[in-house]
Amino acid sequence: MMPSSPPSLMRSFPMCRSLPMAIARRRFLQSLAAGASTLACGLMPGSSQAQGQMSSASSPAASDALALHVLQRAAFGPAPADWALIREMGVDGYLTSQLDGTVPPAPMHLQDLMQSLTSLSRHQGEWLALEREVRQASQKEDEDSKKEARQKAQEATVAMAEARLMRALYSPAQLQEVLADFWFNHFNVFSGKGLTRMLVESYEREAIRPHVLGRFRDMLGATARHPAMLFYLDNWMSVANGYEPSRRGRKPADAAPGKANGLNENYARELMELHTLGVDGGYTQQDVTELARMLTGWTFNPRDTSAQVYRFQDDRHDHGRKLWLGHEVHDRGQAEGEWALDVLARHPSTARFISFKLAQAFVADQPPKALVQRMADRFLATDGNLKEVMHTLLFSPEFRDPAQFGSKFKTPYQYVLSTVRASQIVITNVTPLVAAMQQQGMPLYGCPTPDGYKNTAEAWLNPDAITRRAAFATSLATGQLPLLKPREMVEEQGLGKRVLAKADEDPKARARRWQSPPLDVGSLKPLLGPGLSERTQSVLAQAAPATQAALLLGSPDFMKR
């Protein structure tokens, strides 16, 4: 059973449970946030601005409008380097380079950060060992041991967030990052459920990222065998009905624990309904049961220290005859499950379901049926080659239709990332971003249900969400977020560590030093010009200069993509 009220990554960010706001300026900032919220209310269904705002955005040069559209959909919003690249290469050249992976090198600050994150080199067994160490230490009476264990868990969790968000913000391979987010949600696991907390990073790195432009079957198999998915949807404890642990001889060291509760259908159900065929994919409850039987024995041992902990345990497998999707299945052990994944990956219903979800994420909440069909045909013709499917999507007339420009409402994840990318700030502290996503209802790795976060306006467009986004835009634009907090104490220009430590004794001085600078609307407009409606430009023209950046980032134009 899925937890109903998940704990979140915010436990690991105790300093940022709410967005910081300077006391002396609180009244001004609240007033500014209210103004941004009022402007953003034009997004609500039924408003004249929501219905017609993008028609006025078609007046700039069509090439710039299309380029902005590409950066809004195939990237997490425009940034100066991306604008320069897309103008140099053209839209087709830019998209081809994203699909082929022939992008410029990552900036040095991102390369240095990724090399410093030791979590990225941990394998599955090491993550499980860390989880075990933390859990055992938390049960001790020694407070120092408990504190040390909490510190280790927090450092690991923060490193996961840093790796995900900093790549999304600064990697030149923006399409890779957008697709990593899409496919993680498609094959969602919840970091708040037990062992999954420490396995999320390995899951994304090993089972998702290598395959986002590869073969769907490869990603399907990688997620099916990863301990994060096995644990999250309980398949690791699924055994043949009547199974009893062997009492004869010694079990292999990597064998799964003996305790089991019989057949568990959770993973088999979600595998067909959410990962492949879709809810209308033409299967029955009996097919779910039979698939669950075929997948018995797919497990792992939480005490395994191997780099790859998945194991097929034959004595847990249901060796009986099955009838699944009209196929008679005889006993073949692990090969039964692998064959089932082959069938699902090549099924026409899977091709349509995957194509619909991709078109919904990149084109429209209700994607054109003709485009979905062409993508599905390409999926089947190329044996699930996702690069080919994405090429069909990105080079389609439906994707490039001006009617779709700015028609999608950003998720909180997309909104927070796009504001920082537009701000052009090179941040060193992701904590306020994690806090903002939490407050806007989308905690990182925090969706408890297996269907993942939605990417449609229906899921996110409401008055409270708009108000929270406007408040975040105000805090960012007015320099109230500690985005420059160092990961560790470092020397600053002209200051030794002793002086720096002395300055840190003053909390107000420390907070000011960590805050990002206020934003200048003049640096934002060139990035967003083709997407600014006449209404937004009119409001900005009448606003005080100090409020313009916040109003732009909190505008309906910016909340859409």
Protein backbone atom coordinates (compact mmCIF):
# COMPACT_ATOMS: atom_id res chain seq x y z
CA MET A 1 0.00 0.00 0.00
CA MET A 2 1.33 3.42 -0.95
CA PRO A 3 1.91 5.94 1.89
CA SER A 4 -0.75 8.64 1.88
CA SER A 5 1.22 11.56 3.30
CA PRO A 6 4.87 11.25 2.26
CA PRO A 7 7.83 12.65 4.15
CA SER A 8 9.83 14.90 1.86
CA LEU A 9 13.37 15.86 1.05
CA MET A 10 12.74 18.96 3.14
CA ARG A 11 13.88 17.04 6.21
CA SER A 12 17.35 17.30 4.76
CA PHE A 13 17.05 21.06 4.29
CA PRO A 14 16.08 22.29 7.79
CA MET A 15 17.37 25.81 7.14
CA CYS A 16 15.00 26.39 4.28
CA ARG A 17 11.53 25.19 5.24
CA SER A 18 10.22 28.58 4.21
CA LEU A 19 11.55 31.10 1.73
CA PRO A 20 13.63 33.77 3.52
CA MET A 21 12.38 37.33 3.61
CA ALA A 22 14.14 40.32 5.18
CA ILE A 23 12.07 41.71 8.06
CA ALA A 24 12.72 45.35 7.15
CA ARG A 25 11.42 44.84 3.62
CA ARG A 26 8.60 42.40 4.34
CA ARG A 27 5.77 44.83 3.72
CA PHE A 28 7.27 45.94 0.41
CA LEU A 29 7.86 42.35 -0.69
CA GLN A 30 4.37 41.22 0.29
CA SER A 31 2.91 44.08 -1.69
CA LEU A 32 5.06 43.18 -4.69
CA ALA A 33 4.06 39.52 -4.45
CA ALA A 34 0.41 40.56 -4.38
CA GLY A 35 0.94 42.60 -7.53
CA ALA A 36 2.60 39.72 -9.31
CA SER A 37 -0.18 37.41 -8.15
CA THR A 38 -2.83 39.78 -9.50
CA LEU A 39 -1.14 39.84 -12.90
CA ALA A 40 -0.78 36.06 -12.86
CA CYS A 41 -4.49 35.57 -12.17
CA GLY A 42 -4.98 36.14 -15.89
CA LEU A 43 -3.94 32.51 -16.22
CA MET A 44 -7.08 31.16 -14.59
CA PRO A 45 -9.52 29.41 -16.92
CA GLY A 46 -12.11 31.75 -18.33
CA SER A 47 -9.99 34.89 -18.15
CA SER A 48 -9.62 36.88 -21.35
CA GLN A 49 -5.85 36.87 -20.98
CA ALA A 50 -5.72 33.10 -20.58
CA GLN A 51 -7.75 32.70 -23.73
CA GLY A 52 -5.94 35.13 -25.97
CA GLN A 53 -2.59 36.16 -24.57
CA MET A 54 -0.39 34.14 -26.91
CA SER A 55 -1.88 35.53 -30.10
CA SER A 56 -0.22 38.81 -29.27
CA ALA A 57 3.12 37.06 -28.86
CA SER A 58 3.24 36.12 -32.52
CA SER A 59 4.18 39.61 -33.69
CA PRO A 60 8.00 39.26 -33.23
CA ALA A 61 10.07 37.51 -35.86
CA ALA A 62 8.80 33.98 -36.41
CA SER A 63 12.29 32.54 -36.13
CA ASP A 64 12.81 34.00 -32.63
CA ALA A 65 9.34 32.85 -31.56
CA LEU A 66 10.09 29.30 -32.71
CA ALA A 67 13.51 29.38 -31.06
CA LEU A 68 11.94 30.46 -27.77
CA HIS A 69 9.33 27.71 -28.11
CA VAL A 70 12.10 25.12 -28.56
CA LEU A 71 13.94 26.39 -25.48
CA GLN A 72 10.71 26.28 -23.48
CA ARG A 73 9.93 22.68 -24.44
CA ALA A 74 13.25 20.96 -25.22
CA ALA A 75 15.06 22.83 -22.44
CA PHE A 76 14.15 24.26 -19.04
CA GLY A 77 13.63 27.72 -20.46
CA PRO A 78 15.97 30.17 -22.17
CA ALA A 79 19.40 31.11 -20.88
CA PRO A 80 21.95 33.31 -22.69
CA ALA A 81 24.19 30.42 -23.75
CA ASP A 82 21.23 28.54 -25.25
CA TRP A 83 20.04 31.58 -27.15
CA ALA A 84 23.52 32.05 -28.58
CA LEU A 85 23.70 28.40 -29.57
CA ILE A 86 20.29 28.22 -31.21
CA ARG A 87 20.92 31.43 -33.16
CA GLU A 88 24.26 30.11 -34.36
CA MET A 89 23.02 26.64 -35.32
CA GLY A 90 19.42 27.36 -36.20
CA VAL A 91 16.47 25.48 -34.69
CA ASP A 92 17.04 22.32 -36.72
CA GLY A 93 20.76 22.25 -35.99
CA TYR A 94 20.16 22.85 -32.28
CA LEU A 95 17.61 20.05 -32.01
CA THR A 96 19.79 17.67 -34.01
CA SER A 97 22.74 18.32 -31.71
CA GLN A 98 20.53 17.70 -28.68
CA LEU A 99 19.29 14.41 -30.12
CA ASP A 100 22.79 13.31 -31.18
CA GLY A 101 24.48 14.40 -27.95
CA THR A 102 26.93 16.65 -29.83
CA VAL A 103 26.54 19.55 -27.44
CA PRO A 104 29.25 21.89 -26.09
CA PRO A 105 31.10 20.80 -22.93
CA ALA A 106 29.46 21.54 -19.59
CA PRO A 107 30.68 24.74 -17.89
CA MET A 108 33.61 24.22 -15.54
CA HIS A 109 31.62 25.04 -12.41
CA LEU A 110 29.21 22.20 -13.24
CA GLN A 111 32.05 19.78 -14.08
CA ASP A 112 33.79 20.61 -10.80
CA LEU A 113 30.61 20.11 -8.81
CA MET A 114 29.79 16.76 -10.39
CA GLN A 115 33.31 15.50 -9.73
CA SER A 116 33.03 16.55 -6.08
CA LEU A 117 29.81 14.63 -5.45
CA THR A 118 31.06 11.30 -4.17
CA SER A 119 27.53 9.92 -4.19
CA LEU A 120 27.72 9.68 -7.97
CA SER A 121 30.31 6.91 -7.64
CA ARG A 122 28.37 4.80 -5.13
CA HIS A 123 26.99 1.57 -6.50
CA GLN A 124 23.80 -0.17 -5.38
CA GLY A 125 25.41 -2.27 -2.65
CA GLU A 126 27.14 0.78 -1.18
CA TRP A 127 23.87 2.73 -1.08
CA LEU A 128 22.20 -0.18 0.70
CA ALA A 129 25.10 -0.37 3.17
CA LEU A 130 24.74 3.35 3.91
CA GLU A 131 20.99 2.94 4.48
CA ARG A 132 21.67 0.04 6.83
CA GLU A 133 24.33 2.01 8.71
CA VAL A 134 22.02 4.99 9.14
CA ARG A 135 19.12 2.85 10.27
CA GLN A 136 21.21 0.91 12.80
CA ALA A 137 22.81 4.04 14.22
CA SER A 138 19.39 5.68 14.67
CA GLN A 139 18.38 2.82 16.95
CA LYS A 140 21.31 3.29 19.31
CA GLU A 141 21.07 5.20 22.56
CA ASP A 142 24.28 7.08 21.80
CA GLU A 143 23.21 10.56 20.67
CA ASP A 144 26.51 11.20 18.90
CA SER A 145 25.98 8.11 16.76
CA LYS A 146 22.46 9.18 15.93
CA LYS A 147 23.64 12.66 15.00
CA GLU A 148 26.41 11.28 12.80
CA ALA A 149 23.94 8.96 11.06
CA ARG A 150 21.49 11.78 10.39
CA GLN A 151 24.35 13.88 9.03
CA LYS A 152 25.38 11.15 6.59
CA ALA A 153 21.82 10.69 5.37
CA GLN A 154 21.36 14.44 4.98
CA GLU A 155 24.62 14.85 3.06
CA ALA A 156 23.64 12.06 0.69
CA THR A 157 20.17 13.48 0.12
CA VAL A 158 21.47 16.99 -0.51
CA ALA A 159 24.03 15.61 -2.96
CA MET A 160 21.23 13.88 -4.90
CA ALA A 161 19.34 17.16 -5.17
CA GLU A 162 22.48 19.05 -6.18
CA ALA A 163 23.28 16.57 -8.93
CA ARG A 164 19.77 16.66 -10.40
CA LEU A 165 19.12 20.40 -10.17
CA MET A 166 22.53 21.71 -11.15
CA ARG A 167 22.56 19.57 -14.28
CA ALA A 168 19.04 20.72 -15.13
CA LEU A 169 20.11 24.34 -14.69
CA TYR A 170 23.48 24.42 -16.42
CA SER A 171 24.01 21.36 -18.62
CA PRO A 172 24.18 22.19 -22.35
CA ALA A 173 22.44 18.83 -22.94
CA GLN A 174 19.09 20.32 -21.99
CA LEU A 175 16.96 17.80 -23.85
CA GLN A 176 18.68 15.01 -21.89
CA GLU A 177 17.68 16.75 -18.64
CA VAL A 178 14.09 17.35 -19.73
CA LEU A 179 13.76 13.71 -20.74
CA ALA A 180 15.37 12.50 -17.50
CA ASP A 181 12.60 14.31 -15.63
CA PHE A 182 9.92 12.93 -17.98
CA TRP A 183 11.08 9.31 -17.77
CA PHE A 184 11.68 9.39 -14.02
CA ASN A 185 8.04 10.38 -13.61
CA HIS A 186 6.97 7.69 -16.07
CA PHE A 187 8.84 5.03 -14.07
CA ASN A 188 8.33 6.81 -10.76
CA VAL A 189 9.68 5.58 -7.43
CA PHE A 190 9.07 7.41 -4.14
CA SER A 191 12.06 8.45 -2.01
CA GLY A 192 9.91 8.42 1.14
CA LYS A 193 9.44 4.65 1.15
CA GLY A 194 12.08 2.82 3.16
CA LEU A 195 15.16 1.70 1.24
CA THR A 196 14.14 3.71 -1.82
CA ARG A 197 15.46 6.85 -0.12
CA MET A 198 19.05 5.78 -0.65
CA LEU A 199 18.48 4.12 -4.02
CA VAL A 200 16.94 7.02 -5.94
CA GLU A 201 20.25 8.41 -7.17
CA SER A 202 21.44 5.03 -8.42
CA TYR A 203 18.04 4.39 -10.01
CA GLU A 204 18.06 7.61 -12.01
CA ARG A 205 21.74 7.27 -12.95
CA GLU A 206 21.65 3.60 -13.99
CA ALA A 207 18.08 2.81 -15.03
CA ILE A 208 16.81 6.11 -16.49
CA ARG A 209 19.49 8.47 -17.81
CA PRO A 210 21.42 6.07 -20.09
CA HIS A 211 18.24 5.15 -21.97
CA VAL A 212 16.23 8.36 -22.46
CA LEU A 213 17.29 8.49 -26.12
CA GLY A 214 17.92 4.78 -26.45
CA ARG A 215 15.66 1.74 -26.74
CA PHE A 216 12.52 1.70 -24.63
CA ARG A 217 12.99 -2.02 -23.96
CA ASP A 218 16.38 -1.35 -22.36
CA MET A 219 14.92 1.22 -19.96
CA LEU A 220 11.97 -1.05 -19.21
CA GLY A 221 14.31 -3.89 -18.25
CA ALA A 222 16.67 -1.63 -16.28
CA THR A 223 13.83 -0.25 -14.16
CA ALA A 224 12.27 -3.70 -13.67
CA ARG A 225 15.50 -5.12 -12.22
CA HIS A 226 16.62 -2.12 -10.17
CA PRO A 227 16.22 -2.56 -6.40
CA ALA A 228 14.50 0.83 -6.13
CA MET A 229 11.59 -0.37 -8.28
CA LEU A 230 11.64 -3.90 -6.84
CA PHE A 231 11.30 -2.44 -3.34
CA TYR A 232 8.92 0.42 -4.15
CA LEU A 233 6.30 -1.80 -5.79
CA ASP A 234 7.02 -4.82 -3.57
CA ASN A 235 8.03 -7.29 -6.26
CA TRP A 236 11.13 -8.20 -4.27
CA MET A 237 8.85 -10.02 -1.78
CA SER A 238 6.51 -11.57 -4.36
CA VAL A 239 6.70 -15.37 -4.35
CA ALA A 240 4.73 -18.30 -5.64
CA ASN A 241 1.68 -19.09 -3.56
CA GLY A 242 2.60 -21.80 -1.09
CA TYR A 243 6.29 -20.86 -1.07
CA GLU A 244 8.22 -21.85 2.04
CA PRO A 245 11.87 -20.90 2.61
CA SER A 246 14.20 -23.83 2.19
CA ARG A 247 15.44 -25.30 5.46
CA ARG A 248 17.83 -27.71 3.82
CA GLY A 249 21.43 -26.64 3.43
CA ARG A 250 22.73 -23.08 3.38
CA LYS A 251 21.14 -20.42 1.22
CA PRO A 252 23.35 -18.35 -1.07
CA ALA A 253 24.69 -15.22 0.61
CA ASP A 254 22.90 -13.02 -1.90
CA ALA A 255 19.52 -14.76 -1.53
CA ALA A 256 16.57 -12.59 -0.56
CA PRO A 257 15.20 -12.83 2.99
CA GLY A 258 12.91 -15.77 3.62
CA LYS A 259 9.95 -13.73 4.82
CA ALA A 260 7.36 -13.27 2.07
CA ASN A 261 3.62 -12.80 1.83
CA GLY A 262 2.77 -14.75 -1.29
CA LEU A 263 2.00 -13.33 -4.71
CA ASN A 264 2.11 -9.53 -4.95
CA GLU A 265 0.50 -7.93 -8.02
CA ASN A 266 1.56 -4.30 -7.46
CA TYR A 267 4.41 -4.20 -9.95
CA ALA A 268 2.69 -6.36 -12.57
CA ARG A 269 -0.33 -4.04 -12.51
CA GLU A 270 1.67 -0.82 -12.82
CA LEU A 271 3.96 -2.40 -15.40
CA MET A 272 1.00 -2.79 -17.75
CA GLU A 273 -1.17 0.16 -16.72
CA LEU A 274 1.47 2.87 -16.23
CA HIS A 275 4.70 1.72 -17.86
CA THR A 276 3.57 0.08 -21.10
CA LEU A 277 0.04 -0.69 -22.36
CA GLY A 278 -1.90 2.05 -20.57
CA VAL A 279 -5.17 1.68 -18.69
CA ASP A 280 -7.06 0.99 -21.95
CA GLY A 281 -4.38 -1.30 -23.35
CA GLY A 282 -6.54 -4.38 -23.72
CA TYR A 283 -5.64 -6.53 -20.72
CA THR A 284 -7.67 -8.05 -17.88
CA GLN A 285 -7.24 -8.57 -14.16
CA GLN A 286 -6.35 -12.18 -14.91
CA ASP A 287 -3.50 -10.93 -17.12
CA VAL A 288 -2.22 -8.92 -14.15
CA THR A 289 -2.23 -12.00 -11.94
CA GLU A 290 -0.51 -14.15 -14.57
CA LEU A 291 2.18 -11.54 -15.17
CA ALA A 292 2.80 -11.29 -11.42
CA ARG A 293 3.31 -15.07 -11.38
CA MET A 294 5.81 -14.78 -14.24
CA LEU A 295 7.77 -12.17 -12.28
CA THR A 296 8.03 -14.11 -9.01
CA GLY A 297 11.64 -14.64 -7.98
CA TRP A 298 12.78 -11.23 -9.31
CA THR A 299 14.28 -9.93 -6.09
CA PHE A 300 17.34 -8.67 -4.22
CA ASN A 301 18.88 -8.96 -0.78
CA PRO A 302 19.07 -5.64 1.13
CA ARG A 303 22.32 -6.87 2.71
CA ASP A 304 23.98 -7.53 -0.63
CA THR A 305 27.10 -5.41 -1.17
CA SER A 306 27.38 -6.06 -4.93
CA ALA A 307 27.38 -3.33 -7.55
CA GLN A 308 24.26 -4.94 -9.08
CA VAL A 309 22.08 -6.51 -6.40
CA TYR A 310 19.23 -7.88 -8.54
CA ARG A 311 18.93 -11.66 -8.34
CA PHE A 312 16.56 -14.23 -9.79
CA GLN A 313 15.75 -16.73 -7.04
CA ASP A 314 14.38 -19.88 -8.62
CA ASP A 315 12.85 -21.36 -5.46
CA ARG A 316 10.58 -18.29 -5.17
CA HIS A 317 9.36 -18.55 -8.74
CA ASP A 318 5.95 -19.89 -9.73
CA HIS A 319 6.80 -22.75 -12.09
CA GLY A 320 3.21 -23.48 -13.08
CA ARG A 321 1.59 -23.00 -16.48
CA LYS A 322 0.24 -19.49 -17.22
CA LEU A 323 -2.06 -17.94 -19.79
CA TRP A 324 -1.17 -14.26 -20.39
CA LEU A 325 -2.49 -11.91 -23.07
CA GLY A 326 -3.69 -14.97 -24.97
CA HIS A 327 -0.26 -16.67 -24.87
CA GLU A 328 0.30 -19.99 -23.14
CA VAL A 329 3.43 -19.69 -21.01
CA HIS A 330 5.37 -22.74 -19.85
CA ASP A 331 7.95 -22.87 -17.11
CA ARG A 332 11.14 -21.06 -18.17
CA GLY A 333 12.15 -19.37 -14.92
CA GLN A 334 13.55 -15.87 -15.31
CA ALA A 335 13.13 -16.06 -19.08
CA GLU A 336 9.34 -15.83 -18.62
CA GLY A 337 9.63 -12.30 -17.21
CA GLU A 338 12.16 -11.21 -19.80
CA TRP A 339 9.91 -12.50 -22.59
CA ALA A 340 6.96 -10.64 -21.05
CA LEU A 341 8.98 -7.39 -21.13
CA ASP A 342 9.77 -8.07 -24.80
CA VAL A 343 6.07 -8.48 -25.59
CA LEU A 344 5.07 -5.36 -23.68
CA ALA A 345 7.83 -3.21 -25.21
CA ARG A 346 6.76 -4.12 -28.74
CA HIS A 347 3.00 -3.97 -28.23
CA PRO A 348 1.01 -1.45 -30.36
CA SER A 349 -0.81 -0.25 -27.22
CA THR A 350 2.56 0.58 -25.63
CA ALA A 351 3.62 2.50 -28.74
CA ARG A 352 0.43 4.59 -28.63
CA PHE A 353 0.56 5.14 -24.85
CA ILE A 354 4.21 6.24 -24.81
CA SER A 355 3.70 8.45 -27.87
CA PHE A 356 0.65 10.09 -26.30
CA LYS A 357 2.53 10.88 -23.08
CA LEU A 358 5.53 12.33 -24.92
CA ALA A 359 3.30 14.44 -27.18
CA GLN A 360 1.34 15.60 -24.14
CA ALA A 361 4.56 16.68 -22.40
CA PHE A 362 6.12 18.42 -25.41
CA VAL A 363 3.18 19.65 -27.52
CA ALA A 364 -0.21 20.01 -25.82
CA ASP A 365 -2.26 18.69 -22.91
CA GLN A 366 -4.55 17.19 -25.55
CA PRO A 367 -2.02 16.27 -28.25
CA PRO A 368 -2.98 15.99 -31.93
CA LYS A 369 -4.06 12.43 -32.74
CA ALA A 370 -2.28 12.41 -36.10
CA LEU A 371 1.04 13.24 -34.43
CA VAL A 372 0.56 10.56 -31.79
CA GLN A 373 -0.15 8.00 -34.50
CA ARG A 374 2.97 8.94 -36.50
CA MET A 375 5.08 8.69 -33.36
CA ALA A 376 3.56 5.31 -32.50
CA ASP A 377 4.25 4.07 -36.03
CA ARG A 378 7.86 5.20 -35.71
CA PHE A 379 8.12 3.53 -32.28
CA LEU A 380 7.02 0.20 -33.76
CA ALA A 381 9.11 0.53 -36.93
CA THR A 382 12.32 1.17 -34.97
CA ASP A 383 11.77 -1.35 -32.15
CA GLY A 384 11.15 1.40 -29.63
CA ASN A 385 14.04 3.70 -30.58
CA LEU A 386 13.23 6.75 -28.46
CA LYS A 387 15.63 9.03 -30.33
CA GLU A 388 13.71 8.33 -33.54
CA VAL A 389 10.38 8.90 -31.80
CA MET A 390 11.60 12.23 -30.40
CA HIS A 391 12.90 13.24 -33.83
CA THR A 392 9.43 12.61 -35.27
CA LEU A 393 7.95 14.79 -32.51
CA LEU A 394 10.42 17.69 -32.54
CA PHE A 395 10.51 18.02 -36.33
CA SER A 396 6.74 17.72 -36.73
CA PRO A 397 4.54 20.61 -37.93
CA GLU A 398 2.35 20.06 -34.85
CA PHE A 399 5.25 20.77 -32.48
CA ARG A 400 6.16 23.90 -34.46
CA ASP A 401 2.61 25.17 -34.81
CA PRO A 402 2.52 28.77 -33.44
CA ALA A 403 -0.82 27.92 -31.83
CA GLN A 404 1.13 25.74 -29.38
CA PHE A 405 3.65 28.42 -28.40
CA GLY A 406 3.17 29.18 -24.71
CA SER A 407 0.20 26.82 -24.43
CA LYS A 408 1.59 24.55 -21.71
CA PHE A 409 1.46 25.50 -18.02
CA LYS A 410 4.77 24.83 -16.29
CA THR A 411 5.01 22.32 -13.48
CA PRO A 412 6.58 23.68 -10.26
CA TYR A 413 9.81 21.90 -11.19
CA GLN A 414 9.88 23.56 -14.61
CA TYR A 415 8.89 26.94 -13.22
CA VAL A 416 11.56 27.07 -10.52
CA LEU A 417 14.31 25.94 -12.89
CA SER A 418 13.28 28.35 -15.63
CA THR A 419 13.31 31.35 -13.29
CA VAL A 420 16.87 30.60 -12.18
CA ARG A 421 18.03 29.97 -15.76
CA ALA A 422 16.52 33.28 -16.85
CA SER A 423 18.12 35.08 -13.88
CA GLN A 424 21.60 34.08 -15.16
CA ILE A 425 22.76 33.47 -11.59
CA VAL A 426 25.37 30.75 -11.10
CA ILE A 427 24.06 29.38 -7.82
CA THR A 428 25.97 27.33 -5.26
CA ASN A 429 23.09 26.42 -2.97
CA VAL A 430 20.07 24.45 -4.23
CA THR A 431 18.29 24.44 -0.86
CA PRO A 432 15.93 27.35 -1.66
CA LEU A 433 14.97 25.64 -4.92
CA VAL A 434 14.14 22.40 -3.12
CA ALA A 435 12.11 24.47 -0.65
CA ALA A 436 10.23 26.24 -3.43
CA MET A 437 9.33 22.97 -5.16
CA GLN A 438 8.13 21.60 -1.85
CA GLN A 439 6.00 24.65 -1.16
CA GLN A 440 4.52 24.54 -4.64
CA GLY A 441 3.42 20.94 -4.14
CA MET A 442 6.12 19.09 -6.11
CA PRO A 443 8.86 17.88 -3.75
CA LEU A 444 11.86 16.47 -5.56
CA TYR A 445 11.61 12.65 -5.79
CA GLY A 446 8.54 13.03 -3.59
CA CYS A 447 5.55 11.72 -5.56
CA PRO A 448 4.18 8.82 -3.47
CA THR A 449 2.05 7.27 -6.21
CA PRO A 450 3.50 5.19 -9.06
CA ASP A 451 1.96 7.36 -11.80
CA GLY A 452 4.42 10.19 -11.02
CA TYR A 453 3.81 13.92 -11.29
CA LYS A 454 1.44 15.14 -14.00
CA ASN A 455 2.51 17.68 -16.64
CA THR A 456 -0.89 19.15 -17.50
CA ALA A 457 -2.43 22.47 -16.47
CA GLU A 458 -5.28 20.67 -14.74
CA ALA A 459 -2.83 19.28 -12.18
CA TRP A 460 -1.12 22.59 -11.30
CA LEU A 461 -3.17 25.62 -12.35
CA ASN A 462 -5.02 26.98 -9.32
CA PRO A 463 -5.04 30.27 -7.35
CA ASP A 464 -2.85 28.97 -4.52
CA ALA A 465 -0.20 27.72 -6.95
CA ILE A 466 -0.12 31.06 -8.75
CA THR A 467 0.26 32.94 -5.47
CA ARG A 468 3.13 30.72 -4.36
CA ARG A 469 4.90 31.13 -7.69
CA ALA A 470 4.52 34.90 -7.50
CA ALA A 471 6.02 34.86 -4.00
CA PHE A 472 8.99 32.82 -5.20
CA ALA A 473 9.48 35.14 -8.19
CA THR A 474 9.46 38.12 -5.83
CA SER A 475 12.03 36.56 -3.49
CA LEU A 476 14.33 35.68 -6.37
CA ALA A 477 13.98 38.97 -8.20
CA THR A 478 14.61 41.08 -5.10
CA GLY A 479 17.67 39.12 -3.99
CA GLN A 480 16.17 37.45 -0.93
CA LEU A 481 17.27 33.85 -1.56
CA PRO A 482 20.55 32.44 -0.17
CA LEU A 483 21.51 30.95 -3.52
CA LEU A 484 25.19 31.77 -3.06
CA LYS A 485 25.75 29.96 0.23
CA PRO A 486 29.05 28.07 -0.12
CA ARG A 487 29.03 24.29 0.11
CA GLU A 488 31.86 24.66 2.60
CA MET A 489 33.83 27.49 4.18
CA VAL A 490 36.08 28.99 1.50
CA GLU A 491 38.29 32.04 1.25
CA GLU A 492 36.83 35.08 -0.45
CA GLN A 493 38.68 37.74 -2.40
CA GLY A 494 40.74 39.76 0.06
CA LEU A 495 39.52 37.81 3.12
CA GLY A 496 41.15 35.00 5.02
CA LYS A 497 39.14 32.24 6.63
CA ARG A 498 39.58 33.81 10.05
CA VAL A 499 38.00 37.07 8.91
CA LEU A 500 35.27 35.19 7.09
CA ALA A 501 34.48 33.12 10.16
CA LYS A 502 34.35 36.28 12.25
CA ALA A 503 31.90 37.83 9.79
CA ASP A 504 29.75 34.73 10.02
CA GLU A 505 29.13 35.43 13.70
CA ASP A 506 26.69 38.11 12.51
CA PRO A 507 23.69 36.19 11.10
CA LYS A 508 22.41 39.22 9.18
CA ALA A 509 25.77 39.85 7.52
CA ARG A 510 26.08 36.16 6.68
CA ALA A 511 22.60 36.08 5.16
CA ARG A 512 23.32 39.17 3.04
CA ARG A 513 26.57 37.67 1.78
CA TRP A 514 24.79 34.48 0.70
CA GLN A 515 21.91 36.20 -1.07
CA SER A 516 21.85 36.50 -4.82
CA PRO A 517 21.76 40.05 -6.20
CA PRO A 518 18.47 41.69 -7.23
CA LEU A 519 17.57 41.08 -10.85
CA ASP A 520 17.51 43.70 -13.58
CA VAL A 521 14.52 43.41 -15.89
CA GLY A 522 16.77 44.65 -18.69
CA SER A 523 18.67 41.34 -18.60
CA LEU A 524 15.46 39.30 -18.60
CA LYS A 525 13.59 40.92 -21.47
CA PRO A 526 16.04 39.92 -24.24
CA LEU A 527 15.63 36.28 -23.22
CA LEU A 528 11.85 36.35 -23.13
CA GLY A 529 10.93 39.10 -25.59
CA PRO A 530 9.22 36.91 -28.23
CA GLY A 531 6.99 35.42 -25.54
CA LEU A 532 5.83 38.60 -23.79
CA SER A 533 2.24 39.57 -24.43
CA GLU A 534 1.09 43.15 -24.86
CA ARG A 535 -0.62 43.03 -21.46
CA THR A 536 2.56 42.01 -19.66
CA GLN A 537 4.61 44.64 -21.49
CA SER A 538 2.02 47.25 -20.56
CA VAL A 539 2.09 46.28 -16.88
CA LEU A 540 5.90 46.37 -16.84
CA ALA A 541 5.98 49.78 -18.50
CA GLN A 542 3.76 51.23 -15.76
CA ALA A 543 5.53 49.54 -12.84
CA ALA A 544 8.32 50.97 -10.72
CA PRO A 545 11.76 49.77 -11.90
CA ALA A 546 12.40 47.93 -8.63
CA THR A 547 9.33 45.74 -9.16
CA GLN A 548 9.61 44.97 -12.86
CA ALA A 549 11.76 41.82 -12.67
CA ALA A 550 9.45 40.23 -10.10
CA LEU A 551 6.38 41.12 -12.13
CA LEU A 552 7.87 39.61 -15.27
CA LEU A 553 8.86 36.33 -13.55
CA GLY A 554 5.44 36.18 -11.90
CA SER A 555 3.54 36.98 -15.08
CA PRO A 556 1.20 34.58 -16.94
CA ASP A 557 3.63 34.62 -19.87
CA PHE A 558 6.45 33.27 -17.74
CA MET A 559 4.34 30.63 -16.01
CA LYS A 560 3.62 29.10 -19.40
CA ARG A 561 5.97 27.43 -21.81
